[in-house]
Amino acid sequence: MGYVIIGAIIGAFVAVVFKIAKKDAAERDEMVSKLSDEQKDRLMSAEVEFVEENAWVQEAMVAKMVEKGSKFDVRMLWYNTTMGNNENQTITIADATITKAEQAEHDVKVGDFVKMYIAPEKTVGSVKIVF
């Protein structure tokens, strides 16, 4: 009986993960479909500058900003040429947070191109906008 309960819990967890992944993929596909050819070309030609082992800076485009108290959750689109996963050689999404002060100081808005720092092996601060 214990195995059935553990199996049900693991199954529920896996189902939630797949549902979230499917939702993110649908949102990404919608965002990418709204890009102009010039925006796509700019993302796809972005230079990758390695700044440390397994961490780099490259250009990304702000696709969505949601105000959350004193911060903004920022969803960016970028062209993946570095990570050997199922999104390699595609425009994909990354999430970062900036403060309202940073947003105001740099006038960051949807449609802007920004420099994005990404370090996939870090658990904290793995993606951020570089000002």
C-alpha atoms as a PDB file:
ATOM      1  CA  MET A   1       0.000   0.000   0.000  1.00  0.00           C
ATOM      2  CA  GLY A   2       2.906   2.358   0.753  1.00  0.00           C
ATOM      3  CA  TYR A   3       4.275   1.908  -2.762  1.00  0.00           C
ATOM      4  CA  VAL A   4       0.936   2.915  -4.267  1.00  0.00           C
ATOM      5  CA  ILE A   5       0.867   6.144  -2.250  1.00  0.00           C
ATOM      6  CA  ILE A   6       4.483   6.986  -3.147  1.00  0.00           C
ATOM      7  CA  GLY A   7       3.747   6.187  -6.803  1.00  0.00           C
ATOM      8  CA  ALA A   8       0.696   8.449  -6.766  1.00  0.00           C
ATOM      9  CA  ILE A   9       2.689  11.328  -5.253  1.00  0.00           C
ATOM     10  CA  ILE A  10       5.493  10.963  -7.800  1.00  0.00           C
ATOM     11  CA  GLY A  11       2.966  10.689 -10.625  1.00  0.00           C
ATOM     12  CA  ALA A  12       1.210  13.862  -9.512  1.00  0.00           C
ATOM     13  CA  PHE A  13       4.531  15.719  -9.324  1.00  0.00           C
ATOM     14  CA  VAL A  14       5.522  14.594 -12.827  1.00  0.00           C
ATOM     15  CA  ALA A  15       2.109  15.644 -14.183  1.00  0.00           C
ATOM     16  CA  VAL A  16       2.479  19.139 -12.680  1.00  0.00           C
ATOM     17  CA  VAL A  17       5.987  19.535 -14.143  1.00  0.00           C
ATOM     18  CA  PHE A  18       4.773  18.511 -17.610  1.00  0.00           C
ATOM     19  CA  LYS A  19       1.793  20.869 -17.415  1.00  0.00           C
ATOM     20  CA  ILE A  20       4.044  23.817 -16.486  1.00  0.00           C
ATOM     21  CA  ALA A  21       6.517  22.941 -19.260  1.00  0.00           C
ATOM     22  CA  LYS A  22       3.700  22.728 -21.815  1.00  0.00           C
ATOM     23  CA  LYS A  23       2.337  26.116 -20.703  1.00  0.00           C
ATOM     24  CA  ASP A  24       5.806  27.728 -20.988  1.00  0.00           C
ATOM     25  CA  ALA A  25       6.315  26.208 -24.443  1.00  0.00           C
ATOM     26  CA  ALA A  26       2.961  27.562 -25.623  1.00  0.00           C
ATOM     27  CA  GLU A  27       3.773  31.029 -24.264  1.00  0.00           C
ATOM     28  CA  ARG A  28       7.211  30.948 -25.917  1.00  0.00           C
ATOM     29  CA  ASP A  29       5.721  29.878 -29.255  1.00  0.00           C
ATOM     30  CA  GLU A  30       3.196  32.718 -29.072  1.00  0.00           C
ATOM     31  CA  MET A  31       5.894  35.295 -28.224  1.00  0.00           C
ATOM     32  CA  VAL A  32       8.177  34.076 -31.023  1.00  0.00           C
ATOM     33  CA  SER A  33       5.335  34.146 -33.550  1.00  0.00           C
ATOM     34  CA  LYS A  34       4.861  37.868 -32.816  1.00  0.00           C
ATOM     35  CA  LEU A  35       8.510  38.759 -33.525  1.00  0.00           C
ATOM     36  CA  SER A  36       9.362  40.627 -36.696  1.00  0.00           C
ATOM     37  CA  ASP A  37      11.951  39.156 -39.057  1.00  0.00           C
ATOM     38  CA  GLU A  38      14.389  41.880 -37.946  1.00  0.00           C
ATOM     39  CA  GLN A  39      13.940  40.963 -34.273  1.00  0.00           C
ATOM     40  CA  LYS A  40      14.426  37.263 -35.036  1.00  0.00           C
ATOM     41  CA  ASP A  41      17.548  38.005 -37.076  1.00  0.00           C
ATOM     42  CA  ARG A  42      18.965  40.185 -34.303  1.00  0.00           C
ATOM     43  CA  LEU A  43      18.420  37.467 -31.690  1.00  0.00           C
ATOM     44  CA  MET A  44      19.831  34.745 -33.943  1.00  0.00           C
ATOM     45  CA  SER A  45      22.978  36.757 -34.691  1.00  0.00           C
ATOM     46  CA  ALA A  46      23.669  37.674 -31.050  1.00  0.00           C
ATOM     47  CA  GLU A  47      27.298  37.202 -30.054  1.00  0.00           C
ATOM     48  CA  VAL A  48      27.995  34.932 -27.091  1.00  0.00           C
ATOM     49  CA  GLU A  49      30.713  36.266 -24.779  1.00  0.00           C
ATOM     50  CA  PHE A  50      31.913  33.766 -22.190  1.00  0.00           C
ATOM     51  CA  VAL A  51      32.737  35.611 -18.959  1.00  0.00           C
ATOM     52  CA  GLU A  52      33.551  32.575 -16.815  1.00  0.00           C
ATOM     53  CA  GLU A  53      33.418  28.816 -17.186  1.00  0.00           C
ATOM     54  CA  ASN A  54      29.856  27.821 -18.135  1.00  0.00           C
ATOM     55  CA  ALA A  55      28.573  31.419 -17.945  1.00  0.00           C
ATOM     56  CA  TRP A  56      28.138  33.964 -20.696  1.00  0.00           C
ATOM     57  CA  VAL A  57      26.568  37.269 -21.723  1.00  0.00           C
ATOM     58  CA  GLN A  58      24.496  37.706 -24.851  1.00  0.00           C
ATOM     59  CA  GLU A  59      21.751  39.901 -26.209  1.00  0.00           C
ATOM     60  CA  ALA A  60      18.133  39.100 -25.375  1.00  0.00           C
ATOM     61  CA  MET A  61      14.828  40.857 -25.973  1.00  0.00           C
ATOM     62  CA  VAL A  62      12.389  41.795 -23.213  1.00  0.00           C
ATOM     63  CA  ALA A  63       9.152  40.014 -24.127  1.00  0.00           C
ATOM     64  CA  LYS A  64       7.082  40.460 -20.959  1.00  0.00           C
ATOM     65  CA  MET A  65       7.282  42.442 -17.717  1.00  0.00           C
ATOM     66  CA  VAL A  66       5.073  41.854 -14.692  1.00  0.00           C
ATOM     67  CA  GLU A  67       5.173  44.256 -11.749  1.00  0.00           C
ATOM     68  CA  LYS A  68       5.537  42.462  -8.403  1.00  0.00           C
ATOM     69  CA  GLY A  69       5.772  44.898  -5.506  1.00  0.00           C
ATOM     70  CA  SER A  70       9.118  46.707  -5.701  1.00  0.00           C
ATOM     71  CA  LYS A  71      10.368  44.541  -8.584  1.00  0.00           C
ATOM     72  CA  PHE A  72       9.550  43.420 -12.085  1.00  0.00           C
ATOM     73  CA  ASP A  73       9.582  39.828 -13.296  1.00  0.00           C
ATOM     74  CA  VAL A  74      11.093  40.006 -16.773  1.00  0.00           C
ATOM     75  CA  ARG A  75      10.646  37.284 -19.390  1.00  0.00           C
ATOM     76  CA  MET A  76      13.224  37.508 -22.177  1.00  0.00           C
ATOM     77  CA  LEU A  77      13.645  35.807 -25.530  1.00  0.00           C
ATOM     78  CA  TRP A  78      17.144  34.729 -26.571  1.00  0.00           C
ATOM     79  CA  TYR A  79      18.735  32.461 -29.169  1.00  0.00           C
ATOM     80  CA  ASN A  80      20.267  29.328 -27.658  1.00  0.00           C
ATOM     81  CA  THR A  81      23.511  28.278 -29.314  1.00  0.00           C
ATOM     82  CA  THR A  82      25.325  27.188 -26.176  1.00  0.00           C
ATOM     83  CA  MET A  83      23.257  24.684 -24.238  1.00  0.00           C
ATOM     84  CA  GLY A  84      23.017  21.237 -25.781  1.00  0.00           C
ATOM     85  CA  ASN A  85      19.403  20.628 -24.844  1.00  0.00           C
ATOM     86  CA  ASN A  86      16.168  20.242 -26.792  1.00  0.00           C
ATOM     87  CA  GLU A  87      16.011  24.028 -27.302  1.00  0.00           C
ATOM     88  CA  ASN A  88      19.445  24.313 -28.915  1.00  0.00           C
ATOM     89  CA  GLN A  89      19.413  26.463 -32.064  1.00  0.00           C
ATOM     90  CA  THR A  90      16.015  27.959 -31.187  1.00  0.00           C
ATOM     91  CA  ILE A  91      14.686  31.174 -29.720  1.00  0.00           C
ATOM     92  CA  THR A  92      13.766  30.353 -26.153  1.00  0.00           C
ATOM     93  CA  ILE A  93      12.812  32.085 -22.893  1.00  0.00           C
ATOM     94  CA  ALA A  94      14.668  33.114 -19.764  1.00  0.00           C
ATOM     95  CA  ASP A  95      13.340  34.815 -16.640  1.00  0.00           C
ATOM     96  CA  ALA A  96      15.021  37.462 -14.504  1.00  0.00           C
ATOM     97  CA  THR A  97      14.027  40.026 -11.898  1.00  0.00           C
ATOM     98  CA  ILE A  98      14.931  43.712 -11.783  1.00  0.00           C
ATOM     99  CA  THR A  99      14.055  46.367  -9.243  1.00  0.00           C
ATOM    100  CA  LYS A 100      11.741  49.248 -10.061  1.00  0.00           C
ATOM    101  CA  ALA A 101      14.719  51.574  -9.604  1.00  0.00           C
ATOM    102  CA  GLU A 102      16.733  49.628 -12.224  1.00  0.00           C
ATOM    103  CA  GLN A 103      13.758  49.652 -14.587  1.00  0.00           C
ATOM    104  CA  ALA A 104      13.320  53.410 -14.208  1.00  0.00           C
ATOM    105  CA  GLU A 105      17.039  54.223 -14.412  1.00  0.00           C
ATOM    106  CA  HIS A 106      17.558  52.208 -17.610  1.00  0.00           C
ATOM    107  CA  ASP A 107      14.019  52.697 -19.015  1.00  0.00           C
ATOM    108  CA  VAL A 108      13.607  48.962 -19.614  1.00  0.00           C
ATOM    109  CA  LYS A 109      10.391  48.103 -21.435  1.00  0.00           C
ATOM    110  CA  VAL A 110       8.877  45.332 -23.526  1.00  0.00           C
ATOM    111  CA  GLY A 111      10.581  45.148 -26.914  1.00  0.00           C
ATOM    112  CA  ASP A 112      13.955  46.431 -25.672  1.00  0.00           C
ATOM    113  CA  PHE A 113      17.139  44.508 -26.340  1.00  0.00           C
ATOM    114  CA  VAL A 114      19.268  43.970 -23.234  1.00  0.00           C
ATOM    115  CA  LYS A 115      22.440  42.134 -22.272  1.00  0.00           C
ATOM    116  CA  MET A 116      21.604  38.927 -20.425  1.00  0.00           C
ATOM    117  CA  TYR A 117      23.998  37.046 -18.136  1.00  0.00           C
ATOM    118  CA  ILE A 118      23.266  33.334 -17.991  1.00  0.00           C
ATOM    119  CA  ALA A 119      24.975  30.654 -15.904  1.00  0.00           C
ATOM    120  CA  PRO A 120      22.883  27.471 -16.148  1.00  0.00           C
ATOM    121  CA  GLU A 121      24.825  25.603 -13.457  1.00  0.00           C
ATOM    122  CA  LYS A 122      24.128  28.214 -10.758  1.00  0.00           C
ATOM    123  CA  THR A 123      21.014  27.875  -8.642  1.00  0.00           C
ATOM    124  CA  VAL A 124      20.837  31.527  -7.540  1.00  0.00           C
ATOM    125  CA  GLY A 125      21.471  34.380  -9.946  1.00  0.00           C
ATOM    126  CA  SER A 126      21.703  32.110 -12.948  1.00  0.00           C
ATOM    127  CA  VAL A 127      19.953  34.641 -15.223  1.00  0.00           C
ATOM    128  CA  LYS A 128      20.083  38.410 -14.880  1.00  0.00           C
ATOM    129  CA  ILE A 129      20.062  41.560 -16.951  1.00  0.00           C
ATOM    130  CA  VAL A 130      23.462  43.238 -17.095  1.00  0.00           C
ATOM    131  CA  PHE A 131      23.335  47.039 -16.914  1.00  0.00           C
END
